[in-house]
């Protein structure tokens, strides 16, 4: 990443310490990209808690497994609508604070509100009339679902402007765009490690003792504490970026004087225009992203549930094996994120060109498919161990647990590559055809969330049809990931290289 050099002095002496310069030196491009990318840590900390804790928590509130996936519809639906709209309107925002920063601020507020609703759902439900003990808690469920939707709306409202701002700072140059997105993935990995570590620690609530109430047991209190920490981190990283990365206000009048009247076109019209401008390379990219997301989200949705049920042989609410499986799954996700962080750093140095990026992404998709297929072998081995043990309530063998944790760790490699390479390529492809960065990231997100919608709608009934486990969805995801890898290796074109010496860094 380049550092913006100071302006020449034209032979004049620099100002003395007693006479400070009237204008402070600009923040280097490296630190501006780092400040924006750090928001990924705050977002991913919260998402790590969602993926590791909320699917089991939904079932503890009384929602059956086959219906739990429908709760997750809010993520894909909000992503399908919110990210493209946020990208479009941030491209054309005329606020005096800049194009992206107002959206980032609003999103941080929504995420903070959602944390309160999710963390305190059981307490608010109890005050509204829910009974204590086991069973369905309808009022807590209603509050939780509202908070869940607000959380996903806030996260999606945040992601598109952040990615677009990184694209603005990269200015369409390949190496800069790749490094910026790799930095974003690196901070996402850091947030994931911290989030999964928090989710796997069963005594975190002791740091905030007030979180445990008569309606909120230890599991609930831990969840509440984790989400309060999440909100604090996100507010801190967002504030850092807002004060470190100023933007010049966008002027429609100036654009219209230059003949660019499309800023007044409606969202759907501009979306249609952008889609028509997309080259073939962008369409292939969208297709590969969709197939990859179908495989990746199948595991993300049920990973800790798989550990609790198939690997540990527990049942929701049994308080022993299932909870131990969920915590072990959170540990696995922490290892997953640690591998992802190393992978994000490696991408900066190893992926030097578009051709290499295509190959790396294609091979990582095939690895994703192999890993998803391996869940079948691990499950069968765990079931065999329980059949031959003296007790059906026995924990899995150390070999089975080690295999499951190793699987989580290896999956960090294709997951991080999927969060990095497609966004960098999309930034380059959109720059070559003149499409806005914000709208492009929104369209790319549509390719991500449509498969998530399919998984959320079909995985519950599909798994129930084959006995209520998670393996059927994993097998479908494995096939989809392998197909995505083959398409990336054979059809995805290589972007034209950009001469970095001709790129002017914008302040």
Protein backbone atom coordinates (compact mmCIF):
# COMPACT_ATOMS: atom_id res chain seq x y z
CA UNK A 1 0.00 0.00 0.00
CA UNK A 2 1.30 3.39 -0.94
CA UNK A 3 1.92 6.26 1.41
CA UNK A 4 1.01 9.72 0.22
CA UNK A 5 4.15 11.80 0.13
CA UNK A 6 4.32 15.34 1.43
CA UNK A 7 4.08 18.19 -1.05
CA UNK A 8 7.39 19.65 -2.26
CA UNK A 9 8.68 22.66 -0.39
CA UNK A 10 9.93 24.46 -3.55
CA UNK A 11 13.16 25.39 -1.80
CA UNK A 12 11.50 26.88 1.25
CA UNK A 13 12.45 25.91 4.75
CA UNK A 14 9.88 23.87 6.69
CA UNK A 15 8.07 25.72 9.46
CA UNK A 16 9.70 25.69 12.87
CA UNK A 17 8.20 24.02 15.92
CA UNK A 18 7.08 27.44 17.22
CA UNK A 19 5.24 28.11 13.97
CA UNK A 20 3.09 25.08 13.16
CA UNK A 21 1.87 24.71 9.58
CA UNK A 22 -1.58 26.04 8.79
CA UNK A 23 -2.67 22.74 7.22
CA UNK A 24 -1.81 19.43 8.94
CA UNK A 25 -0.18 16.78 6.73
CA UNK A 26 -2.66 14.41 5.10
CA UNK A 27 -3.18 10.98 6.64
CA UNK A 28 -1.34 8.39 4.57
CA UNK A 29 -3.31 6.13 2.27
CA UNK A 30 -2.11 3.12 4.27
CA UNK A 31 -3.64 4.41 7.49
CA UNK A 32 -6.86 5.51 5.79
CA UNK A 33 -7.35 2.03 4.37
CA UNK A 34 -6.43 0.48 7.74
CA UNK A 35 -8.96 2.66 9.59
CA UNK A 36 -11.79 1.73 7.22
CA UNK A 37 -10.80 -1.94 7.16
CA UNK A 38 -10.79 -2.08 10.97
CA UNK A 39 -14.58 -1.66 10.92
CA UNK A 40 -14.62 -5.23 9.61
CA UNK A 41 -13.40 -6.41 13.01
CA UNK A 42 -16.38 -4.82 14.76
CA UNK A 43 -18.87 -6.18 12.22
CA UNK A 44 -17.42 -9.68 12.21
CA UNK A 45 -17.28 -9.87 16.02
CA UNK A 46 -21.06 -9.54 16.00
CA UNK A 47 -21.51 -11.92 13.10
CA UNK A 48 -19.31 -14.49 14.85
CA UNK A 49 -21.68 -14.34 17.80
CA UNK A 50 -24.65 -14.76 15.45
CA UNK A 51 -23.23 -17.83 13.77
CA UNK A 52 -21.98 -19.52 16.94
CA UNK A 53 -24.64 -18.68 19.52
CA UNK A 54 -27.92 -17.61 17.97
CA UNK A 55 -29.02 -20.82 16.19
CA UNK A 56 -28.86 -22.77 19.50
CA UNK A 57 -30.42 -19.80 21.36
CA UNK A 58 -33.33 -19.66 18.90
CA UNK A 59 -34.12 -23.30 19.71
CA UNK A 60 -33.77 -22.68 23.46
CA UNK A 61 -36.49 -20.02 23.13
CA UNK A 62 -38.76 -22.76 21.80
CA UNK A 63 -38.42 -22.65 18.01
CA UNK A 64 -37.94 -26.15 16.46
CA UNK A 65 -34.88 -26.91 14.32
CA UNK A 66 -36.86 -27.13 11.07
CA UNK A 67 -38.12 -23.57 11.64
CA UNK A 68 -34.87 -22.08 12.88
CA UNK A 69 -33.56 -21.53 9.36
CA UNK A 70 -36.49 -19.22 8.58
CA UNK A 71 -35.26 -16.81 11.27
CA UNK A 72 -32.07 -16.46 9.23
CA UNK A 73 -34.07 -15.26 6.24
CA UNK A 74 -33.66 -11.73 7.56
CA UNK A 75 -29.96 -11.71 6.67
CA UNK A 76 -30.36 -12.60 2.98
CA UNK A 77 -33.52 -10.49 2.57
CA UNK A 78 -31.96 -7.40 4.12
CA UNK A 79 -28.79 -8.02 2.14
CA UNK A 80 -30.78 -8.33 -1.07
CA UNK A 81 -32.50 -4.98 -0.49
CA UNK A 82 -30.34 -2.92 1.85
CA UNK A 83 -26.83 -3.36 0.41
CA UNK A 84 -27.70 -2.42 -3.20
CA UNK A 85 -29.74 0.56 -2.00
CA UNK A 86 -27.00 1.65 0.40
CA UNK A 87 -24.41 1.29 -2.35
CA UNK A 88 -26.51 3.28 -4.84
CA UNK A 89 -27.42 6.13 -2.52
CA UNK A 90 -23.92 6.34 -1.06
CA UNK A 91 -22.60 6.74 -4.62
CA UNK A 92 -24.86 9.78 -5.01
CA UNK A 93 -24.99 11.17 -1.46
CA UNK A 94 -24.40 14.94 -1.33
CA UNK A 95 -23.98 15.24 2.44
CA UNK A 96 -21.34 17.71 3.57
CA UNK A 97 -19.79 14.87 5.59
CA UNK A 98 -19.09 12.79 2.45
CA UNK A 99 -20.76 10.02 0.50
CA UNK A 100 -20.06 6.97 2.68
CA UNK A 101 -19.69 8.33 6.21
CA UNK A 102 -23.40 9.15 6.89
CA UNK A 103 -24.37 5.57 6.05
CA UNK A 104 -21.62 4.12 8.23
CA UNK A 105 -22.78 6.25 11.17
CA UNK A 106 -26.45 5.29 10.76
CA UNK A 107 -25.57 1.62 10.49
CA UNK A 108 -23.51 1.68 13.70
CA UNK A 109 -26.51 3.15 15.54
CA UNK A 110 -28.82 0.39 14.24
CA UNK A 111 -26.40 -2.34 15.26
CA UNK A 112 -26.20 -0.90 18.78
CA UNK A 113 -30.00 -0.85 19.03
CA UNK A 114 -30.21 -4.46 17.82
CA UNK A 115 -27.73 -5.62 20.46
CA UNK A 116 -30.01 -4.31 23.20
CA UNK A 117 -33.05 -6.07 21.72
CA UNK A 118 -31.27 -9.41 21.21
CA UNK A 119 -29.36 -9.48 24.48
CA UNK A 120 -32.31 -8.44 26.63
CA UNK A 121 -35.02 -10.36 24.70
CA UNK A 122 -35.57 -12.90 27.50
CA UNK A 123 -35.81 -10.19 30.17
CA UNK A 124 -38.16 -8.04 28.10
CA UNK A 125 -40.26 -11.10 27.24
CA UNK A 126 -40.54 -12.01 30.93
CA UNK A 127 -41.71 -8.49 31.78
CA UNK A 128 -44.25 -8.74 28.96
CA UNK A 129 -45.74 -11.99 30.32
CA UNK A 130 -43.57 -14.97 29.32
CA UNK A 131 -43.35 -17.79 31.85
CA UNK A 132 -40.10 -19.06 33.33
CA UNK A 133 -38.66 -22.49 32.57
CA UNK A 134 -38.69 -24.48 29.35
CA UNK A 135 -41.25 -24.12 26.60
CA UNK A 136 -42.05 -21.59 23.93
CA UNK A 137 -41.55 -17.95 24.94
CA UNK A 138 -43.55 -16.06 22.29
CA UNK A 139 -42.88 -12.50 23.50
CA UNK A 140 -39.13 -13.08 23.85
CA UNK A 141 -39.13 -14.67 20.39
CA UNK A 142 -40.90 -11.64 18.89
CA UNK A 143 -38.42 -9.20 20.48
CA UNK A 144 -35.51 -11.39 19.44
CA UNK A 145 -36.69 -11.60 15.82
CA UNK A 146 -37.10 -7.80 15.63
CA UNK A 147 -33.59 -7.35 17.03
CA UNK A 148 -32.24 -9.95 14.63
CA UNK A 149 -33.72 -8.11 11.65
CA UNK A 150 -32.41 -4.76 12.86
CA UNK A 151 -28.97 -6.30 13.36
CA UNK A 152 -28.81 -7.66 9.82
CA UNK A 153 -30.16 -4.44 8.33
CA UNK A 154 -27.49 -2.49 10.22
CA UNK A 155 -24.69 -4.87 9.20
CA UNK A 156 -25.72 -4.79 5.54
CA UNK A 157 -26.11 -1.01 5.64
CA UNK A 158 -22.55 -0.88 6.98
CA UNK A 159 -20.83 -3.35 4.66
CA UNK A 160 -21.65 -1.79 1.26
CA UNK A 161 -20.39 1.75 2.11
CA UNK A 162 -17.26 0.31 3.77
CA UNK A 163 -16.42 -1.82 0.73
CA UNK A 164 -17.23 1.12 -1.56
CA UNK A 165 -15.01 3.46 0.46
CA UNK A 166 -12.16 0.97 0.14
CA UNK A 167 -12.83 0.95 -3.60
CA UNK A 168 -12.72 4.76 -3.64
CA UNK A 169 -9.37 4.72 -1.86
CA UNK A 170 -8.05 2.03 -4.22
CA UNK A 171 -9.01 4.06 -7.31
CA UNK A 172 -9.44 0.91 -9.41
CA UNK A 173 -5.76 -0.13 -9.25
CA UNK A 174 -5.36 -3.93 -8.97
CA UNK A 175 -2.71 -4.20 -6.29
CA UNK A 176 -4.25 -1.48 -4.14
CA UNK A 177 -7.75 -2.98 -4.43
CA UNK A 178 -6.45 -6.45 -3.61
CA UNK A 179 -4.53 -5.21 -0.56
CA UNK A 180 -7.45 -3.10 0.67
CA UNK A 181 -9.85 -6.05 0.51
CA UNK A 182 -7.25 -8.34 2.04
CA UNK A 183 -6.86 -5.85 4.91
CA UNK A 184 -10.65 -5.86 5.35
CA UNK A 185 -10.63 -9.68 5.45
CA UNK A 186 -7.74 -9.63 7.92
CA UNK A 187 -9.65 -7.43 10.33
CA UNK A 188 -12.76 -9.55 9.82
CA UNK A 189 -10.65 -12.54 10.84
CA UNK A 190 -9.47 -10.71 13.97
CA UNK A 191 -13.09 -9.90 14.84
CA UNK A 192 -14.08 -13.51 14.24
CA UNK A 193 -11.33 -14.86 16.49
CA UNK A 194 -12.38 -12.51 19.28
CA UNK A 195 -16.09 -13.22 18.75
CA UNK A 196 -15.76 -16.98 18.70
CA UNK A 197 -13.41 -16.89 21.68
CA UNK A 198 -16.00 -14.87 23.60
CA UNK A 199 -18.75 -17.28 22.54
CA UNK A 200 -16.78 -20.35 23.65
CA UNK A 201 -15.99 -18.97 27.13
CA UNK A 202 -18.82 -20.08 29.42
CA UNK A 203 -18.01 -17.69 32.31
CA UNK A 204 -17.81 -14.41 30.45
CA UNK A 205 -20.97 -13.19 32.16
CA UNK A 206 -19.03 -12.88 35.45
CA UNK A 207 -17.38 -9.75 34.05
CA UNK A 208 -20.88 -8.20 33.89
CA UNK A 209 -22.81 -9.92 36.70
CA UNK A 210 -25.97 -7.88 36.09
CA UNK A 211 -26.55 -9.79 32.84
CA UNK A 212 -27.76 -12.89 34.72
CA UNK A 213 -31.40 -12.61 35.81
CA UNK A 214 -34.28 -14.92 36.67
CA UNK A 215 -35.30 -14.98 33.00
CA UNK A 216 -31.75 -15.15 31.66
CA UNK A 217 -29.67 -18.20 32.59
CA UNK A 218 -25.91 -18.62 32.20
CA UNK A 219 -26.08 -19.25 28.44
CA UNK A 220 -28.31 -16.22 27.97
CA UNK A 221 -26.14 -14.06 30.23
CA UNK A 222 -23.03 -15.02 28.26
CA UNK A 223 -24.80 -14.14 25.02
CA UNK A 224 -25.91 -10.79 26.46
CA UNK A 225 -22.37 -9.97 27.63
CA UNK A 226 -20.90 -10.90 24.25
CA UNK A 227 -23.27 -8.62 22.37
CA UNK A 228 -22.62 -5.70 24.69
CA UNK A 229 -18.89 -6.11 24.00
CA UNK A 230 -19.69 -6.31 20.28
CA UNK A 231 -21.50 -2.98 20.29
CA UNK A 232 -18.64 -1.31 22.18
CA UNK A 233 -16.05 -2.54 19.67
CA UNK A 234 -18.09 -1.50 16.64
CA UNK A 235 -18.67 1.99 17.98
CA UNK A 236 -14.95 2.35 18.72
CA UNK A 237 -13.77 1.23 15.26
CA UNK A 238 -16.43 3.26 13.47
CA UNK A 239 -15.50 6.40 15.40
CA UNK A 240 -11.83 5.86 14.53
CA UNK A 241 -12.66 5.60 10.81
CA UNK A 242 -14.98 8.59 10.81
CA UNK A 243 -12.35 10.86 12.32
CA UNK A 244 -9.43 9.44 10.32
CA UNK A 245 -10.87 9.24 6.80
CA UNK A 246 -12.52 12.49 5.72
CA UNK A 247 -14.36 12.65 2.41
CA UNK A 248 -14.93 15.52 0.03
CA UNK A 249 -18.63 16.33 -0.38
CA UNK A 250 -20.11 15.00 -3.62
CA UNK A 251 -21.62 17.69 -5.88
CA UNK A 252 -24.37 16.83 -8.33
CA UNK A 253 -24.05 20.21 -9.98
CA UNK A 254 -20.43 19.53 -10.84
CA UNK A 255 -21.29 16.12 -12.22
CA UNK A 256 -24.09 17.55 -14.35
CA UNK A 257 -21.77 20.22 -15.73
CA UNK A 258 -19.54 17.38 -16.90
CA UNK A 259 -22.50 15.70 -18.58
CA UNK A 260 -23.00 12.93 -16.01
CA UNK A 261 -26.73 13.25 -15.48
CA UNK A 262 -27.18 9.62 -14.45
CA UNK A 263 -26.91 10.67 -10.79
CA UNK A 264 -30.55 11.76 -10.98
CA UNK A 265 -31.71 8.43 -12.40
CA UNK A 266 -33.78 6.26 -10.06
CA UNK A 267 -32.19 3.35 -8.24
CA UNK A 268 -33.79 0.64 -10.38
CA UNK A 269 -32.97 2.49 -13.59
CA UNK A 270 -29.35 2.92 -12.55
CA UNK A 271 -29.21 -0.71 -11.43
CA UNK A 272 -30.41 -1.74 -14.89
CA UNK A 273 -27.88 0.58 -16.55
CA UNK A 274 -25.06 -0.81 -14.42
CA UNK A 275 -26.06 -4.39 -15.19
CA UNK A 276 -26.07 -3.63 -18.93
CA UNK A 277 -22.60 -2.08 -18.59
CA UNK A 278 -21.18 -5.13 -16.85
CA UNK A 279 -18.72 -7.04 -19.05
CA UNK A 280 -18.85 -10.81 -19.45
CA UNK A 281 -16.16 -11.15 -16.81
CA UNK A 282 -18.47 -9.59 -14.20
CA UNK A 283 -21.29 -12.00 -15.05
CA UNK A 284 -19.00 -15.00 -14.66
CA UNK A 285 -17.81 -13.55 -11.35
CA UNK A 286 -21.40 -13.21 -10.11
CA UNK A 287 -22.20 -16.80 -11.09
CA UNK A 288 -19.15 -18.21 -9.29
CA UNK A 289 -19.90 -16.10 -6.20
CA UNK A 290 -23.47 -17.46 -6.09
CA UNK A 291 -22.38 -21.09 -6.23
CA UNK A 292 -19.66 -20.51 -3.64
CA UNK A 293 -22.12 -18.82 -1.27
CA UNK A 294 -24.53 -21.74 -1.60
CA UNK A 295 -21.86 -24.06 -0.25
CA UNK A 296 -20.35 -21.73 2.31
CA UNK A 297 -23.61 -20.55 3.90
CA UNK A 298 -24.86 -24.13 4.27
CA UNK A 299 -22.04 -24.72 6.75
CA UNK A 300 -22.05 -21.29 8.37
CA UNK A 301 -25.74 -21.59 9.24
CA UNK A 302 -25.49 -24.91 11.07
CA UNK A 303 -21.83 -25.41 11.99
CA UNK A 304 -22.19 -25.27 15.79
CA UNK A 305 -25.54 -27.08 15.62
CA UNK A 306 -23.77 -29.85 13.69
CA UNK A 307 -21.14 -30.08 16.42
CA UNK A 308 -23.80 -30.28 19.14
CA UNK A 309 -26.03 -32.85 17.41
CA UNK A 310 -24.08 -34.99 14.96
CA UNK A 311 -20.60 -34.90 16.48
CA UNK A 312 -21.43 -34.82 20.23
CA UNK A 313 -24.79 -36.61 19.91
CA UNK A 314 -26.66 -34.10 22.07
CA UNK A 315 -30.15 -32.68 21.92
CA UNK A 316 -31.25 -29.06 22.18
CA UNK A 317 -31.90 -28.20 25.83
CA UNK A 318 -30.20 -31.28 27.33
CA UNK A 319 -27.75 -28.91 29.04
CA UNK A 320 -24.74 -31.21 28.64
CA UNK A 321 -23.62 -32.77 25.38
CA UNK A 322 -25.29 -30.26 23.07
CA UNK A 323 -23.94 -27.25 24.98
CA UNK A 324 -20.46 -28.80 25.03
CA UNK A 325 -20.71 -29.37 21.30
CA UNK A 326 -21.73 -25.75 20.68
CA UNK A 327 -18.80 -24.46 22.75
CA UNK A 328 -16.41 -26.81 20.94
CA UNK A 329 -17.83 -25.53 17.67
CA UNK A 330 -17.12 -21.98 18.80
CA UNK A 331 -13.54 -23.04 19.49
CA UNK A 332 -13.39 -24.49 15.99
CA UNK A 333 -14.68 -21.24 14.54
CA UNK A 334 -11.99 -19.37 16.44
CA UNK A 335 -9.37 -21.62 14.80
CA UNK A 336 -11.14 -21.03 11.50
CA UNK A 337 -10.74 -17.28 11.93
CA UNK A 338 -7.10 -17.57 12.97
CA UNK A 339 -6.32 -19.46 9.76
CA UNK A 340 -8.37 -16.85 7.91
CA UNK A 341 -6.26 -14.03 9.32
CA UNK A 342 -3.04 -15.70 8.17
CA UNK A 343 -4.63 -16.33 4.77
CA UNK A 344 -5.63 -12.69 4.40
CA UNK A 345 -2.04 -11.60 5.03
CA UNK A 346 -0.72 -14.21 2.62
CA UNK A 347 -3.02 -12.98 -0.15
CA UNK A 348 -1.35 -9.56 -0.02
CA UNK A 349 2.02 -11.10 -0.87
CA UNK A 350 1.21 -14.26 -2.85
CA UNK A 351 -1.65 -13.21 -5.12
CA UNK A 352 0.15 -10.89 -7.50
CA UNK A 353 -2.10 -10.80 -10.53
CA UNK A 354 -5.61 -11.51 -11.77
CA UNK A 355 -4.59 -14.86 -13.29
CA UNK A 356 -3.14 -16.04 -9.99
CA UNK A 357 -6.21 -14.79 -8.13
CA UNK A 358 -8.49 -16.80 -10.41
CA UNK A 359 -6.54 -19.97 -9.80
CA UNK A 360 -6.35 -19.45 -6.04
CA UNK A 361 -10.08 -18.80 -5.82
CA UNK A 362 -10.96 -21.79 -7.99
CA UNK A 363 -8.79 -24.20 -6.00
CA UNK A 364 -10.11 -22.83 -2.71
CA UNK A 365 -13.68 -23.56 -3.86
CA UNK A 366 -12.75 -27.16 -4.61
CA UNK A 367 -11.16 -27.37 -1.15
CA UNK A 368 -14.43 -26.00 0.32
CA UNK A 369 -16.36 -28.80 -1.41
CA UNK A 370 -13.98 -31.47 -0.08
CA UNK A 371 -14.27 -30.09 3.46
CA UNK A 372 -18.07 -30.09 3.35
CA UNK A 373 -18.06 -33.69 2.11
CA UNK A 374 -15.74 -34.61 5.00
CA UNK A 375 -18.48 -33.71 7.51
CA UNK A 376 -20.21 -36.95 6.47
CA UNK A 377 -17.17 -39.03 7.38
CA UNK A 378 -16.71 -37.29 10.74
CA UNK A 379 -20.39 -37.74 11.59
CA UNK A 380 -20.35 -41.44 10.73
CA UNK A 381 -17.22 -41.95 12.84
CA UNK A 382 -18.83 -40.15 15.80
CA UNK A 383 -21.98 -42.27 15.51
CA UNK A 384 -19.91 -45.46 15.33
CA UNK A 385 -18.01 -44.48 18.48
CA UNK A 386 -21.26 -43.88 20.40
CA UNK A 387 -22.67 -47.25 19.30
CA UNK A 388 -19.63 -49.11 20.58
CA UNK A 389 -19.22 -47.12 23.80
CA UNK A 390 -20.65 -48.19 27.15
CA UNK A 391 -22.89 -45.13 27.30
CA UNK A 392 -24.91 -43.41 24.57
CA UNK A 393 -24.19 -40.14 26.37
CA UNK A 394 -20.44 -40.46 25.87
CA UNK A 395 -18.56 -37.56 24.38
CA UNK A 396 -16.90 -38.20 21.01
CA UNK A 397 -13.41 -39.64 20.95
CA UNK A 398 -10.42 -37.35 20.93
CA UNK A 399 -9.76 -38.34 17.32
CA UNK A 400 -13.25 -37.29 16.23
CA UNK A 401 -13.00 -33.96 18.07
CA UNK A 402 -9.57 -33.32 16.61
CA UNK A 403 -10.84 -34.09 13.10
CA UNK A 404 -13.81 -31.76 13.53
CA UNK A 405 -11.62 -28.93 14.85
CA UNK A 406 -9.13 -29.47 12.02
CA UNK A 407 -12.01 -29.22 9.54
CA UNK A 408 -13.09 -25.88 11.02
CA UNK A 409 -9.52 -24.61 10.79
CA UNK A 410 -8.99 -25.66 7.16
CA UNK A 411 -12.28 -24.04 6.15
CA UNK A 412 -10.80 -20.69 7.18
CA UNK A 413 -8.69 -20.72 4.01
CA UNK A 414 -11.47 -20.89 1.35
CA UNK A 415 -13.76 -18.70 3.44
CA UNK A 416 -11.23 -15.85 3.63
CA UNK A 417 -10.37 -16.12 -0.06
CA UNK A 418 -14.09 -15.87 -0.85
CA UNK A 419 -14.31 -12.70 1.27
CA UNK A 420 -11.30 -11.16 -0.52
CA UNK A 421 -10.69 -12.13 -4.15
CA UNK A 422 -14.23 -11.64 -5.58
CA UNK A 423 -14.55 -8.14 -4.09
CA UNK A 424 -11.14 -7.10 -5.42
CA UNK A 425 -11.98 -8.45 -8.90
CA UNK A 426 -15.40 -6.77 -8.84
CA UNK A 427 -13.78 -3.44 -7.96
CA UNK A 428 -11.42 -3.80 -10.94
CA UNK A 429 -14.10 -4.97 -13.39
CA UNK A 430 -16.51 -2.18 -12.37
CA UNK A 431 -13.81 0.46 -12.77
CA UNK A 432 -13.11 -0.71 -16.30
CA UNK A 433 -16.77 -0.35 -17.33
CA UNK A 434 -17.49 2.88 -15.40
CA UNK A 435 -19.98 1.47 -12.87
CA UNK A 436 -20.09 3.02 -9.38
CA UNK A 437 -18.21 1.21 -6.62
CA UNK A 438 -21.13 1.33 -4.19
CA UNK A 439 -23.68 -0.03 -6.66
CA UNK A 440 -21.25 -2.72 -7.83
CA UNK A 441 -20.71 -3.95 -4.28
CA UNK A 442 -24.49 -4.00 -3.84
CA UNK A 443 -24.97 -6.10 -6.98
CA UNK A 444 -22.21 -8.45 -5.86
CA UNK A 445 -24.00 -8.82 -2.54
CA UNK A 446 -27.17 -9.83 -4.41
CA UNK A 447 -25.19 -12.73 -5.85
CA UNK A 448 -24.20 -13.64 -2.28
CA UNK A 449 -27.60 -13.38 -0.59
CA UNK A 450 -29.82 -15.10 -3.18
CA UNK A 451 -28.12 -18.45 -2.43
CA UNK A 452 -28.46 -17.64 1.27
CA UNK A 453 -32.20 -17.19 0.72
CA UNK A 454 -32.33 -20.58 -0.97
CA UNK A 455 -30.44 -22.22 1.91
CA UNK A 456 -32.58 -20.50 4.56
CA UNK A 457 -35.85 -21.52 2.91
CA UNK A 458 -34.98 -25.07 1.88
CA UNK A 459 -32.38 -26.37 4.34
CA UNK A 460 -34.77 -26.83 7.28
CA UNK A 461 -37.43 -28.87 5.41
CA UNK A 462 -34.71 -30.59 3.34
CA UNK A 463 -32.80 -31.72 6.43
CA UNK A 464 -36.04 -32.73 8.14
CA UNK A 465 -36.92 -34.92 5.15
CA UNK A 466 -33.73 -36.92 5.75
CA UNK A 467 -34.09 -37.26 9.52
CA UNK A 468 -33.57 -33.77 10.95
CA UNK A 469 -29.79 -33.60 10.73
CA UNK A 470 -27.54 -31.13 8.94
CA UNK A 471 -25.70 -33.42 6.52
CA UNK A 472 -28.09 -33.15 3.52
CA UNK A 473 -27.50 -29.40 3.27
CA UNK A 474 -23.75 -29.91 3.64
CA UNK A 475 -23.70 -32.42 0.76
CA UNK A 476 -25.59 -30.05 -1.54
CA UNK A 477 -23.17 -27.28 -0.55
CA UNK A 478 -20.18 -29.52 -1.34
CA UNK A 479 -21.43 -30.18 -4.88
CA UNK A 480 -22.12 -26.47 -5.44
CA UNK A 481 -18.64 -25.46 -4.21
CA UNK A 482 -16.86 -27.92 -6.53
CA UNK A 483 -18.84 -26.63 -9.53
CA UNK A 484 -17.90 -23.05 -8.54
CA UNK A 485 -14.23 -24.01 -8.41
CA UNK A 486 -14.31 -25.55 -11.88
CA UNK A 487 -16.03 -22.47 -13.35
CA UNK A 488 -13.52 -20.12 -11.70
CA UNK A 489 -10.62 -22.09 -13.17
CA UNK A 490 -12.05 -22.38 -16.68
CA UNK A 491 -14.34 -19.40 -17.39
CA UNK A 492 -13.29 -16.49 -15.19
CA UNK A 493 -11.12 -14.18 -17.33
CA UNK A 494 -7.97 -12.41 -16.25
CA UNK A 495 -8.40 -8.64 -15.70
CA UNK A 496 -6.10 -6.34 -17.59
CA UNK A 497 -3.17 -5.18 -15.51
CA UNK A 498 -3.09 -1.53 -14.47
CA UNK A 499 0.03 0.58 -14.62
CA UNK A 500 0.41 1.72 -11.03
CA UNK A 501 2.66 4.57 -12.06
CA UNK A 502 -0.23 6.31 -13.79
CA UNK A 503 -2.60 6.13 -10.84
CA UNK A 504 -2.98 9.38 -8.97
CA UNK A 505 -3.73 9.10 -5.27
CA UNK A 506 -6.75 11.19 -4.37
CA UNK A 507 -6.82 13.05 -1.07
